[in-house]
Protein backbone atom coordinates (compact mmCIF):
# COMPACT_ATOMS: atom_id res chain seq x y z
CA MET A 1 -35.30 -24.41 0.15
CA PRO A 2 -31.47 -23.09 -0.29
CA SER A 3 -29.85 -23.56 -3.60
CA TYR A 4 -26.37 -23.55 -4.75
CA GLY A 5 -24.88 -22.80 -7.69
CA ALA A 6 -26.60 -21.50 -11.11
CA THR A 7 -29.78 -21.02 -9.05
CA GLU A 8 -31.27 -19.20 -12.42
CA ALA A 9 -30.60 -22.44 -14.34
CA LYS A 10 -33.11 -24.28 -12.37
CA VAL A 11 -36.21 -22.50 -13.74
CA PRO A 12 -38.56 -23.46 -14.90
CA ASP A 13 -37.51 -27.09 -14.80
CA ILE A 14 -37.98 -27.11 -10.90
CA VAL A 15 -39.69 -24.13 -9.38
CA ASP A 16 -41.48 -21.09 -10.76
CA ALA A 17 -39.53 -18.32 -8.99
CA ILE A 18 -36.45 -17.94 -7.20
CA VAL A 19 -35.41 -15.17 -4.52
CA ASP A 20 -31.37 -14.56 -5.40
CA VAL A 21 -28.69 -12.28 -4.09
CA THR A 22 -27.34 -10.55 -7.23
CA GLU A 23 -24.89 -7.46 -7.83
CA THR A 24 -26.61 -6.44 -11.51
CA GLY A 25 -29.09 -9.18 -12.56
CA SER A 26 -27.01 -9.99 -16.04
CA SER A 27 -27.06 -13.44 -15.13
CA LEU A 28 -30.64 -13.86 -14.36
CA ARG A 29 -31.50 -11.77 -17.48
CA ARG A 30 -29.00 -14.31 -19.61
CA ALA A 31 -31.36 -16.84 -18.08
CA GLY A 32 -34.16 -15.39 -19.58
CA LEU A 33 -35.88 -14.27 -16.37
CA LYS A 34 -36.61 -11.03 -15.12
CA ILE A 35 -36.24 -9.16 -11.82
CA ILE A 36 -40.20 -8.49 -10.35
CA ASP A 37 -39.23 -7.10 -7.20
CA THR A 38 -36.31 -6.15 -4.86
CA LEU A 39 -36.17 -7.01 -1.49
CA LEU A 40 -33.11 -5.92 0.25
CA THR A 41 -30.60 -3.51 -0.94
CA SER A 42 -27.17 -3.67 0.68
CA TYR A 43 -23.76 -2.22 0.79
CA THR A 44 -20.35 -2.44 2.21
CA GLU A 45 -20.05 -1.03 5.85
CA LEU A 46 -16.88 -1.52 8.21
CA VAL A 47 -18.25 -0.81 12.13
CA ALA A 48 -15.76 -1.02 14.74
CA ASN A 49 -16.21 -1.03 18.44
CA ARG A 50 -14.76 2.79 19.74
CA ALA A 51 -12.50 1.20 22.59
CA ALA A 52 -10.90 -1.24 19.60
CA TYR A 53 -10.70 1.87 17.37
CA GLU A 54 -8.57 3.48 19.74
CA ASP A 55 -6.15 0.94 20.21
CA PRO A 56 -3.25 1.70 17.77
CA ALA A 57 -2.54 -1.68 16.43
CA LYS A 58 -6.23 -2.71 16.19
CA ARG A 59 -7.08 0.70 14.31
CA ALA A 60 -4.05 -0.08 11.89
CA ALA A 61 -5.36 -3.47 11.31
CA MET A 62 -9.05 -1.97 10.61
CA GLU A 63 -7.45 0.44 8.32
CA ASP A 64 -5.94 -2.13 6.21
CA ILE A 65 -9.04 -3.99 5.84
CA GLN A 66 -10.85 -0.53 4.67
CA LEU A 67 -7.91 -0.03 2.04
CA LEU A 68 -8.01 -3.86 1.22
CA LEU A 69 -12.04 -3.65 0.73
CA ARG A 70 -11.67 -0.11 -1.35
CA GLY A 71 -9.18 -1.83 -3.74
CA ALA A 72 -11.26 -4.74 -4.46
CA ILE A 73 -14.45 -2.20 -5.07
CA ARG A 74 -12.62 -0.04 -7.19
CA ALA A 75 -11.34 -3.33 -9.48
CA ARG A 76 -14.86 -3.78 -9.96
CA GLY A 77 -15.62 -3.87 -13.74
CA ARG A 78 -11.88 -3.68 -14.79
CA VAL A 79 -9.42 -5.74 -15.95
CA LEU A 80 -5.45 -5.36 -16.85
CA LEU A 81 -4.95 -5.49 -20.55
CA LYS A 82 -1.26 -6.03 -21.55
CA LEU A 83 0.18 -6.28 -25.10
CA ASN A 84 2.90 -5.58 -27.32
CA VAL A 85 3.14 -3.67 -30.45
CA ALA A 86 5.96 -2.59 -33.23
CA GLU A 87 7.44 0.86 -32.89
CA ALA A 88 5.82 1.60 -36.19
CA ASP A 89 2.19 0.96 -34.81
CA LEU A 90 2.45 2.22 -31.42
CA ALA A 91 0.78 5.50 -31.88
CA LYS A 92 -2.22 4.16 -33.49
CA VAL A 93 -2.62 1.56 -30.57
CA LEU A 94 -1.99 4.27 -27.92
CA GLU A 95 -5.05 6.08 -29.77
CA ILE A 96 -7.29 3.28 -29.06
CA VAL A 97 -6.23 2.07 -25.52
CA PRO A 98 -8.52 3.69 -23.02
CA SER A 99 -6.90 4.27 -19.36
CA ALA A 100 -7.82 5.96 -16.35
CA GLY A 101 -4.65 7.85 -16.45
CA SER A 102 -1.65 7.02 -18.99
CA PRO A 103 -1.04 3.28 -20.14
CA THR A 104 2.22 2.20 -19.30
CA LEU A 105 4.64 1.69 -22.02
CA MET A 106 7.85 -0.05 -21.69
CA LYS A 107 10.63 -1.04 -24.42
CA LEU A 108 10.78 -4.60 -24.98
CA ALA A 109 14.71 -6.08 -25.13
CA SER A 110 14.64 -6.13 -28.89
CA GLY A 111 14.12 -2.50 -29.21
CA GLU A 112 11.78 -2.76 -32.13
CA HIS A 113 8.87 -3.29 -29.62
CA SER A 114 6.80 -1.90 -26.72
CA ALA A 115 4.83 -3.43 -24.12
CA VAL A 116 1.84 -1.64 -23.27
CA GLU A 117 -0.26 -1.96 -19.85
CA ALA A 118 -3.76 -0.34 -19.04
CA VAL A 119 -6.16 -0.84 -16.40
CA VAL A 120 -9.64 -0.43 -18.51
CA PRO A 121 -13.40 -1.27 -18.24
CA LYS A 122 -14.55 -4.64 -18.78
CA ALA A 123 -17.43 -3.14 -20.62
CA GLY A 124 -16.60 -3.11 -24.56
CA ILE A 125 -13.41 -5.45 -24.18
CA ASN A 126 -14.70 -7.51 -26.52
CA GLU A 127 -14.59 -4.68 -29.19
CA LEU A 128 -11.59 -3.09 -27.90
CA ILE A 129 -9.36 -6.49 -28.19
CA PRO A 130 -10.20 -6.49 -32.45
CA ALA A 131 -9.84 -3.11 -32.95
CA LEU A 132 -6.19 -3.19 -31.11
CA LYS A 133 -4.82 -6.18 -33.08
CA ALA A 134 -6.39 -4.29 -36.12
CA ALA A 135 -3.77 -1.48 -35.23
CA GLY A 136 -1.04 -3.77 -34.89
CA ALA A 137 -1.18 -4.96 -31.37
CA PHE A 138 -0.22 -8.53 -30.54
CA ASP A 139 0.10 -10.96 -27.44
CA ILE A 140 -2.88 -9.46 -26.06
CA LEU A 141 -3.61 -10.61 -22.70
CA GLU A 142 -6.83 -9.65 -20.45
CA LEU A 143 -6.03 -10.23 -17.08
CA PRO A 144 -8.78 -10.02 -14.21
CA ILE A 145 -7.76 -7.64 -11.40
CA GLY A 146 -8.67 -8.42 -7.75
CA LYS A 147 -7.93 -4.93 -6.51
CA ILE A 148 -6.73 -1.53 -7.34
CA VAL A 149 -5.06 0.66 -4.71
CA ASP A 150 -4.08 3.85 -5.08
């Protein structure tokens, strides 16, 4: 019988086992369950009709879809970290902030503080935020990212 919502929460009250679609299995493990077998491994694939692909307008639409899908896949496991910091603490904070490239740095209107933005791995964010706070960062925001497009 199909189950909607947090299927893992229904074990063992309603069923002895479940078949579930999962990316990492972490929610199953949090519920005290273990994966005993993998039935199917899937992946994202964009398939196009050759005639449609040769039509410039349709090809452009396909390329837009491909761009957006790649952006969503690239954003997985990452968050946007935004924070403010006094100039005196800026070097300490920048030493701690992991970044794929270089964090974005902007002077605030007051001239005494800077805003820092960086895309960082979600794993470890709960250790990173207190470390940044201890280094002098304030007004720290963690924001989800839907897509990262180069």
